[in-house]
Protein backbone atom coordinates (compact mmCIF):
# COMPACT_ATOMS: atom_id res chain seq x y z
CA MET A 1 -166.12 32.71 -51.02
CA ASN A 2 -168.70 30.66 -52.99
CA LEU A 3 -171.52 32.88 -52.12
CA SER A 4 -173.37 35.23 -54.35
CA PRO A 5 -173.69 38.96 -53.24
CA GLN A 6 -177.27 38.34 -52.65
CA HIS A 7 -176.87 35.41 -50.50
CA LEU A 8 -174.24 36.94 -48.44
CA GLN A 9 -176.27 40.03 -48.08
CA ALA A 10 -179.26 37.76 -46.88
CA LEU A 11 -176.82 36.20 -44.34
CA TYR A 12 -175.63 39.56 -43.08
CA GLN A 13 -179.21 40.84 -42.56
CA ALA A 14 -180.05 37.62 -40.64
CA TYR A 15 -177.20 38.14 -38.26
CA CYS A 16 -178.14 41.69 -37.81
CA LYS A 17 -181.53 40.52 -36.66
CA THR A 18 -180.23 38.07 -34.30
CA HIS A 19 -180.86 39.04 -30.60
CA LEU A 20 -178.31 39.72 -27.70
CA LEU A 21 -178.30 36.67 -25.43
CA TRP A 22 -178.94 38.96 -22.34
CA LYS A 23 -179.75 42.71 -22.52
CA ARG A 24 -180.12 44.48 -19.17
CA ALA A 25 -177.78 42.83 -16.22
CA ASP A 26 -174.50 41.60 -16.68
CA VAL A 27 -174.25 37.84 -16.90
CA ASN A 28 -171.21 36.35 -14.88
CA ASN A 29 -169.86 39.95 -14.75
CA LEU A 30 -169.65 39.96 -18.51
CA LYS A 31 -170.89 43.41 -20.03
CA GLN A 32 -172.83 43.01 -23.13
CA PHE A 33 -171.99 45.41 -26.05
CA LYS A 34 -174.73 46.90 -27.81
CA THR A 35 -174.08 47.99 -31.42
CA PRO A 36 -175.12 51.63 -32.36
CA SER A 37 -178.10 51.77 -34.60
CA ASP A 38 -176.50 53.86 -37.37
CA TYR A 39 -174.49 51.09 -38.90
CA ASP A 40 -174.70 50.19 -42.59
CA SER A 41 -177.42 47.73 -43.56
CA VAL A 42 -175.27 46.57 -46.58
CA PHE A 43 -172.34 44.23 -46.19
CA LEU A 44 -169.52 46.11 -47.82
CA ARG A 45 -166.51 43.93 -47.05
CA LYS A 46 -164.62 41.71 -49.54
CA LEU A 47 -164.11 38.23 -48.43
CA GLU A 48 -161.17 36.51 -49.79
CA LYS A 49 -161.84 32.84 -48.64
CA ARG A 50 -164.63 30.72 -47.30
CA LEU A 51 -165.17 31.22 -43.64
CA ARG A 52 -166.88 29.08 -40.85
CA LEU A 53 -170.11 30.41 -39.36
CA GLY A 54 -168.31 31.81 -36.44
CA GLN A 55 -165.60 33.47 -38.57
CA LEU A 56 -168.27 35.07 -40.81
CA ALA A 57 -170.26 36.43 -37.78
CA GLU A 58 -167.09 38.13 -36.79
CA GLN A 59 -166.98 39.80 -40.29
CA PHE A 60 -170.46 40.90 -40.05
CA VAL A 61 -169.75 42.63 -36.80
CA PHE A 62 -166.59 44.32 -38.24
CA ASN A 63 -168.68 45.67 -41.14
CA GLN A 64 -171.31 47.04 -38.70
CA LEU A 65 -168.75 48.51 -36.28
CA GLU A 66 -166.59 50.32 -39.07
CA THR A 67 -169.63 51.77 -40.72
CA CYS A 68 -170.67 53.44 -37.42
CA GLU A 69 -169.68 57.10 -37.16
CA SER A 70 -168.95 56.92 -33.40
CA ILE A 71 -166.56 53.96 -33.73
CA GLU A 72 -163.07 53.25 -35.06
CA LEU A 73 -161.62 50.03 -35.50
CA LEU A 74 -158.06 49.95 -34.25
CA ALA A 75 -157.21 46.27 -34.88
CA GLU A 76 -158.94 42.83 -35.48
CA ASN A 77 -158.17 39.13 -34.92
CA ILE A 78 -154.98 40.10 -32.95
CA GLN A 79 -153.10 36.72 -32.28
CA ILE A 80 -150.98 36.81 -29.28
CA GLN A 81 -147.99 34.45 -29.38
CA GLN A 82 -145.30 33.33 -26.97
CA ASN A 83 -142.22 31.73 -28.52
CA LYS A 84 -144.13 31.26 -31.95
CA GLN A 85 -146.92 29.38 -29.96
CA THR A 86 -150.52 31.12 -30.13
CA LEU A 87 -151.78 31.83 -26.72
CA GLY A 88 -155.08 33.17 -27.99
CA GLU A 89 -156.73 35.86 -29.99
CA LEU A 90 -158.23 39.30 -29.24
CA ASP A 91 -161.24 39.58 -31.66
CA THR A 92 -161.13 43.30 -32.02
CA LEU A 93 -159.91 46.50 -30.57
CA LEU A 94 -161.89 49.82 -31.14
CA LEU A 95 -162.60 53.24 -30.14
CA ILE A 96 -166.16 54.24 -29.28
CA ASN A 97 -166.41 57.97 -28.86
CA ASN A 98 -162.71 57.86 -27.96
CA GLN A 99 -163.36 55.16 -25.28
CA PRO A 100 -160.98 52.34 -25.84
CA VAL A 101 -162.86 48.73 -25.83
CA HIS A 102 -161.62 45.24 -26.27
CA LEU A 103 -164.51 43.24 -27.75
CA GLU A 104 -165.03 39.57 -27.90
CA ILE A 105 -167.55 38.30 -30.47
CA ILE A 106 -169.65 35.29 -29.85
CA TYR A 107 -172.39 33.59 -31.98
CA LYS A 108 -173.94 30.39 -30.62
CA PHE A 109 -176.76 27.97 -30.99
CA TYR A 110 -177.90 26.39 -27.85
CA VAL A 111 -180.82 24.02 -26.82
CA TYR A 112 -182.31 24.03 -23.47
CA ASP A 113 -181.91 20.76 -21.41
CA ASP A 114 -183.64 21.18 -18.00
CA ARG A 115 -181.58 18.00 -16.62
CA LEU A 116 -178.53 20.19 -16.56
CA GLY A 117 -177.33 21.97 -13.45
CA ASP A 118 -179.32 24.03 -11.00
CA LEU A 119 -178.84 27.44 -12.65
CA GLU A 120 -180.64 28.89 -15.81
CA ILE A 121 -177.26 29.34 -17.49
CA GLU A 122 -176.29 25.85 -16.89
CA LYS A 123 -179.08 24.41 -18.82
CA TRP A 124 -178.20 25.72 -22.31
CA ILE A 125 -175.92 23.36 -24.22
CA GLY A 126 -174.87 23.10 -28.00
CA PRO A 127 -177.06 20.85 -30.12
CA ASN A 128 -174.19 18.25 -30.37
CA ARG A 129 -173.51 18.41 -26.59
CA LYS A 130 -169.86 19.48 -27.21
CA ASP A 131 -170.12 22.99 -25.54
CA SER A 132 -172.42 24.84 -23.34
CA LEU A 133 -173.15 28.40 -22.23
CA ILE A 134 -171.58 28.04 -18.86
CA GLU A 135 -168.35 26.68 -20.36
CA LYS A 136 -168.28 29.52 -22.84
CA LEU A 137 -168.86 32.16 -20.11
CA ASN A 138 -166.00 30.64 -17.92
CA LYS A 139 -163.81 30.60 -20.85
CA LEU A 140 -164.36 34.16 -21.50
CA GLN A 141 -163.81 35.09 -17.82
CA GLU A 142 -160.80 32.86 -17.04
CA LYS A 143 -158.81 32.88 -20.38
CA GLN A 144 -159.98 35.13 -23.34
CA LEU A 145 -160.57 38.40 -21.52
CA PRO A 146 -157.51 38.11 -19.16
CA LEU A 147 -155.28 37.51 -22.15
CA LEU A 148 -155.53 41.38 -22.64
CA TYR A 149 -153.40 41.79 -19.44
CA SER A 150 -150.87 39.37 -20.19
CA GLN A 151 -147.19 40.32 -20.66
CA ASP A 152 -147.12 38.95 -24.25
CA CYS A 153 -150.22 40.79 -25.22
CA LYS A 154 -148.82 43.99 -23.81
CA SER A 155 -145.74 43.38 -25.95
CA HIS A 156 -147.79 42.90 -28.96
CA LEU A 157 -149.84 45.96 -28.35
CA LYS A 158 -146.63 47.90 -27.94
CA GLN A 159 -145.66 46.75 -31.43
CA LEU A 160 -148.99 47.98 -32.78
CA GLU A 161 -148.63 51.27 -31.06
CA LEU A 162 -151.67 50.58 -29.02
CA ASN A 163 -150.18 50.20 -25.52
CA SER A 164 -151.17 53.67 -24.42
CA TYR A 165 -154.90 52.76 -24.25
CA SER A 166 -156.64 51.62 -21.31
CA PHE A 167 -159.12 49.26 -22.64
CA GLU A 168 -162.60 48.45 -21.22
CA GLN A 169 -163.70 44.91 -21.94
CA ASN A 170 -167.07 44.03 -23.43
CA VAL A 171 -168.59 40.99 -25.15
CA LEU A 172 -171.07 40.96 -27.94
CA PHE A 173 -172.78 37.64 -27.45
CA LYS A 174 -175.69 36.78 -29.81
CA ALA A 175 -177.42 33.30 -29.92
CA GLN A 176 -180.17 31.31 -31.47
CA LEU A 177 -181.98 29.27 -28.73
CA PHE A 178 -184.08 26.19 -29.27
CA VAL A 179 -186.51 24.73 -26.65
CA PRO A 180 -188.01 21.25 -26.42
CA TYR A 181 -190.68 20.51 -28.81
CA HIS A 182 -194.03 21.57 -27.40
CA ASN A 183 -192.63 22.17 -23.98
CA ASN A 184 -192.99 25.57 -22.17
CA VAL A 185 -189.59 26.61 -20.77
CA GLU A 186 -189.31 29.52 -18.28
CA PHE A 187 -186.09 31.50 -17.76
CA LYS A 188 -185.45 35.05 -16.65
CA LEU A 189 -181.81 35.91 -17.17
CA ILE A 190 -181.68 35.04 -20.74
CA ASN A 191 -183.25 37.01 -23.53
CA LYS A 192 -186.53 35.27 -24.64
CA GLU A 193 -186.27 36.90 -28.11
CA CYS A 194 -183.48 34.68 -28.74
CA VAL A 195 -185.77 31.61 -28.87
CA CYS A 196 -186.19 30.94 -32.64
CA GLY A 197 -187.15 27.30 -32.80
CA PHE A 198 -187.44 23.93 -31.09
CA TYR A 199 -185.58 20.56 -30.85
CA ILE A 200 -186.83 16.99 -31.03
CA ASN A 201 -185.26 13.55 -30.85
CA LEU A 202 -185.56 10.52 -33.19
CA SER A 203 -188.08 8.82 -30.78
CA GLN A 204 -190.45 11.94 -31.25
CA LEU A 205 -189.94 12.39 -34.79
CA GLU A 206 -193.03 10.29 -36.20
CA ILE A 207 -195.43 13.18 -34.72
CA LEU A 208 -193.99 15.31 -37.60
CA GLN A 209 -194.55 12.84 -40.42
CA ASN A 210 -197.07 14.93 -42.27
CA HIS A 211 -194.76 18.02 -42.68
CA LEU A 212 -192.00 18.80 -45.10
CA PHE A 213 -188.38 19.48 -44.40
CA TYR A 214 -185.25 21.01 -45.61
CA ILE A 215 -181.71 20.74 -44.15
CA PRO A 216 -179.96 24.04 -44.78
CA SER A 217 -176.02 24.17 -45.06
CA LYS A 218 -174.15 25.37 -41.92
CA LEU A 219 -173.88 29.21 -43.07
CA ASP A 220 -177.52 29.15 -43.74
CA TRP A 221 -178.19 28.47 -40.15
CA PHE A 222 -178.22 32.22 -39.82
CA LEU A 223 -181.49 32.35 -41.89
CA GLU A 224 -185.03 32.37 -41.00
CA PRO A 225 -186.92 29.71 -42.97
CA HIS A 226 -188.43 30.64 -46.36
CA GLU A 227 -190.50 28.93 -49.04
CA GLN A 228 -187.76 28.95 -51.89
CA VAL A 229 -186.07 25.65 -51.20
CA ASP A 230 -186.30 22.07 -52.30
CA TRP A 231 -188.61 20.54 -49.60
CA LEU A 232 -188.15 16.88 -48.54
CA GLU A 233 -191.07 14.46 -47.68
CA PHE A 234 -190.68 13.07 -44.24
CA SER A 235 -189.14 9.63 -45.32
CA ASN A 236 -186.50 11.41 -47.23
CA PHE A 237 -185.76 13.90 -44.36
CA ARG A 238 -185.31 10.92 -42.06
CA SER A 239 -183.01 9.18 -44.36
CA GLU A 240 -180.83 12.18 -44.95
CA SER A 241 -180.83 12.98 -41.23
CA ASN A 242 -179.35 9.47 -40.37
CA GLY A 243 -175.94 10.44 -41.95
CA PHE A 244 -175.67 13.30 -39.33
CA LEU A 245 -177.06 11.25 -36.34
CA GLU A 246 -174.79 8.47 -36.85
CA ASN A 247 -171.84 10.65 -36.41
CA ASN A 248 -173.39 12.34 -33.30
CA GLN A 249 -174.29 15.45 -35.28
CA SER A 250 -177.71 17.21 -34.83
CA PRO A 251 -178.85 18.59 -37.98
CA LEU A 252 -180.70 21.95 -38.12
CA PHE A 253 -183.90 21.83 -40.21
CA TRP A 254 -186.63 23.96 -41.56
CA MET A 255 -190.04 22.62 -41.42
CA LYS A 256 -193.29 23.29 -43.27
CA THR A 257 -196.62 22.35 -42.01
CA GLU A 258 -199.66 21.32 -44.20
CA ALA A 259 -201.12 24.87 -43.54
CA GLY A 260 -197.89 26.26 -44.98
CA GLU A 261 -196.43 27.33 -41.54
CA LEU A 262 -192.65 27.54 -41.33
CA SER A 263 -190.42 26.79 -38.38
CA LYS A 264 -186.95 26.00 -37.46
CA GLY A 265 -185.60 23.06 -35.32
CA PHE A 266 -182.84 20.81 -34.50
CA LEU A 267 -183.08 16.97 -34.72
CA VAL A 268 -180.88 15.83 -31.92
CA TRP A 269 -178.94 12.61 -31.79
CA TRP A 270 -179.12 12.14 -27.97
């Protein structure tokens, strides 16, 4: 991968600091997994190719899990096929204190749109409006988790000599959440600690004209804003953003106020 060891370590640390999307009660009957605290704080894996953000998040989780004394990784990224057609994938199978667990790993960015649905979990959607929290929860319940019990999966687990285990199913669902700019949002089910910024649309953007901006690469979406970047004046930021907005993409940006305060947000196209 074209990442320095220092850069990769910073991304790993940022991932580890991201909060679980919910903590106490199950959401949609999905049990949230909590990583034991004795994992190694250094990313030790060797990455052979460049990964997308979600794939890199999986590698970060695998690194955490395999460095925990109480956990043994049995398999990871298990593709289930039928007649050479891929039906889906199990993210990882593990033993936690000898308890077999099938774990699905999710890392998402959502913005809060009060116009959506009636329930709290229906109001979170991707910044490009291509996916939503409720869609992901339904997919987990209806497709990804039931895959474990399919005949094709059972056959594959037998080949891996893992068919004797009775797997409990958990999700490790982390997210960064963004709320409307200068708008208080109340929610109870979702973990408020996941809120790490705001979003704003083009019609509102002028109110930020006295600030400085930076548009990080996709993998750097993990990171908290820091000073050591090439900041853009407002006019340059707006110009660079246009390329994203014209393609119905919402860029994530870092912002620096005149007082030096740093924050993180999405400029949404809609």
